[in-house]
Amino acid sequence: MDRRSKLIEIIQRVTKKDRAPAADESLFDSGLLDSFALPDLVSALEQEFSLQIPDSDLNPRKFDSIERIEEYLDSRS
């Protein structure tokens, strides 16, 4: 399974919705995520990709879309 598919799976698990968002779709503007779900998403990303995301990075802008999450993960590698 490629990374994008894993990200979609994580988003679906966190949001409890079957919808697969487009790569550039805002997860917050679309209503899939809100500020309360962000820590759950970050926790799932940490577990899946074996990394630590500092509290200072808990910014919705960094995790607003699949593309932005991928960019963030790339910057952490």
C-alpha atoms as a PDB file:
ATOM      1  CA  MET A   1       0.000   0.000   0.000  1.00  0.00           C
ATOM      2  CA  ASP A   2       1.443   3.378  -0.952  1.00  0.00           C
ATOM      3  CA  ARG A   3       1.677   6.304   1.439  1.00  0.00           C
ATOM      4  CA  ARG A   4      -1.273   8.217  -0.029  1.00  0.00           C
ATOM      5  CA  SER A   5      -3.526   5.177   0.376  1.00  0.00           C
ATOM      6  CA  LYS A   6      -2.364   4.855   3.980  1.00  0.00           C
ATOM      7  CA  LEU A   7      -3.147   8.526   4.574  1.00  0.00           C
ATOM      8  CA  ILE A   8      -6.644   8.112   3.147  1.00  0.00           C
ATOM      9  CA  GLU A   9      -7.167   5.062   5.344  1.00  0.00           C
ATOM     10  CA  ILE A  10      -6.016   6.992   8.434  1.00  0.00           C
ATOM     11  CA  ILE A  11      -8.310   9.927   7.609  1.00  0.00           C
ATOM     12  CA  GLN A  12     -11.242   7.568   7.134  1.00  0.00           C
ATOM     13  CA  ARG A  13     -10.488   5.838  10.429  1.00  0.00           C
ATOM     14  CA  VAL A  14     -10.145   9.109  12.361  1.00  0.00           C
ATOM     15  CA  THR A  15     -13.234  10.718  10.809  1.00  0.00           C
ATOM     16  CA  LYS A  16     -15.284   7.503  10.784  1.00  0.00           C
ATOM     17  CA  LYS A  17     -16.362   8.360   7.232  1.00  0.00           C
ATOM     18  CA  ASP A  18     -15.865   6.277   4.094  1.00  0.00           C
ATOM     19  CA  ARG A  19     -15.239   9.260   1.860  1.00  0.00           C
ATOM     20  CA  ALA A  20     -11.814   9.528   0.233  1.00  0.00           C
ATOM     21  CA  PRO A  21     -10.927  13.228  -0.074  1.00  0.00           C
ATOM     22  CA  ALA A  22      -9.107  14.589  -3.100  1.00  0.00           C
ATOM     23  CA  ALA A  23      -5.394  15.170  -2.514  1.00  0.00           C
ATOM     24  CA  ASP A  24      -5.773  18.960  -2.494  1.00  0.00           C
ATOM     25  CA  GLU A  25      -9.150  19.108  -0.709  1.00  0.00           C
ATOM     26  CA  SER A  26      -9.188  20.958   2.602  1.00  0.00           C
ATOM     27  CA  LEU A  27      -9.986  18.417   5.292  1.00  0.00           C
ATOM     28  CA  PHE A  28     -11.161  21.201   7.581  1.00  0.00           C
ATOM     29  CA  ASP A  29     -13.225  23.242   5.093  1.00  0.00           C
ATOM     30  CA  SER A  30     -14.920  20.059   3.889  1.00  0.00           C
ATOM     31  CA  GLY A  31     -15.936  19.216   7.451  1.00  0.00           C
ATOM     32  CA  LEU A  32     -14.003  15.941   7.552  1.00  0.00           C
ATOM     33  CA  LEU A  33     -11.736  17.227  10.314  1.00  0.00           C
ATOM     34  CA  ASP A  34     -12.076  19.807  13.048  1.00  0.00           C
ATOM     35  CA  SER A  35      -9.714  21.038  15.733  1.00  0.00           C
ATOM     36  CA  PHE A  36     -10.864  18.270  18.084  1.00  0.00           C
ATOM     37  CA  ALA A  37      -9.982  15.536  15.561  1.00  0.00           C
ATOM     38  CA  LEU A  38      -6.542  16.978  14.754  1.00  0.00           C
ATOM     39  CA  PRO A  39      -4.782  15.359  17.753  1.00  0.00           C
ATOM     40  CA  ASP A  40      -6.314  11.992  16.801  1.00  0.00           C
ATOM     41  CA  LEU A  41      -5.036  12.401  13.234  1.00  0.00           C
ATOM     42  CA  VAL A  42      -1.561  13.376  14.436  1.00  0.00           C
ATOM     43  CA  SER A  43      -1.464  10.430  16.842  1.00  0.00           C
ATOM     44  CA  ALA A  44      -2.428   8.036  14.035  1.00  0.00           C
ATOM     45  CA  LEU A  45       0.256   9.535  11.780  1.00  0.00           C
ATOM     46  CA  GLU A  46       2.851   9.115  14.519  1.00  0.00           C
ATOM     47  CA  GLN A  47       1.952   5.457  14.952  1.00  0.00           C
ATOM     48  CA  GLU A  48       1.741   4.643  11.246  1.00  0.00           C
ATOM     49  CA  PHE A  49       4.951   6.381  10.214  1.00  0.00           C
ATOM     50  CA  SER A  50       6.963   5.891  13.436  1.00  0.00           C
ATOM     51  CA  LEU A  51       7.678   9.536  14.099  1.00  0.00           C
ATOM     52  CA  GLN A  52       7.191  12.142  16.799  1.00  0.00           C
ATOM     53  CA  ILE A  53       5.247  15.254  15.866  1.00  0.00           C
ATOM     54  CA  PRO A  54       6.007  18.073  18.309  1.00  0.00           C
ATOM     55  CA  ASP A  55       3.108  19.960  19.892  1.00  0.00           C
ATOM     56  CA  SER A  56       4.387  23.104  18.190  1.00  0.00           C
ATOM     57  CA  ASP A  57       3.441  21.498  14.840  1.00  0.00           C
ATOM     58  CA  LEU A  58      -0.189  20.921  15.839  1.00  0.00           C
ATOM     59  CA  ASN A  59      -1.353  23.521  13.369  1.00  0.00           C
ATOM     60  CA  PRO A  60      -4.367  22.784  11.155  1.00  0.00           C
ATOM     61  CA  ARG A  61      -2.611  24.430   8.196  1.00  0.00           C
ATOM     62  CA  LYS A  62       0.091  21.740   8.220  1.00  0.00           C
ATOM     63  CA  PHE A  63      -2.507  18.963   8.054  1.00  0.00           C
ATOM     64  CA  ASP A  64      -5.166  20.676   5.928  1.00  0.00           C
ATOM     65  CA  SER A  65      -5.006  18.279   2.972  1.00  0.00           C
ATOM     66  CA  ILE A  66      -3.434  15.009   1.953  1.00  0.00           C
ATOM     67  CA  GLU A  67      -0.892  16.957  -0.088  1.00  0.00           C
ATOM     68  CA  ARG A  68       0.076  19.082   2.918  1.00  0.00           C
ATOM     69  CA  ILE A  69       0.358  16.009   5.125  1.00  0.00           C
ATOM     70  CA  GLU A  70       2.653  14.440   2.510  1.00  0.00           C
ATOM     71  CA  GLU A  71       4.770  17.600   2.405  1.00  0.00           C
ATOM     72  CA  TYR A  72       4.976  17.568   6.192  1.00  0.00           C
ATOM     73  CA  LEU A  73       6.003  13.902   6.249  1.00  0.00           C
ATOM     74  CA  ASP A  74       8.637  14.595   3.567  1.00  0.00           C
ATOM     75  CA  SER A  75      10.065  17.424   5.666  1.00  0.00           C
ATOM     76  CA  ARG A  76      10.345  15.078   8.672  1.00  0.00           C
ATOM     77  CA  SER A  77      12.292  12.382   6.775  1.00  0.00           C
END
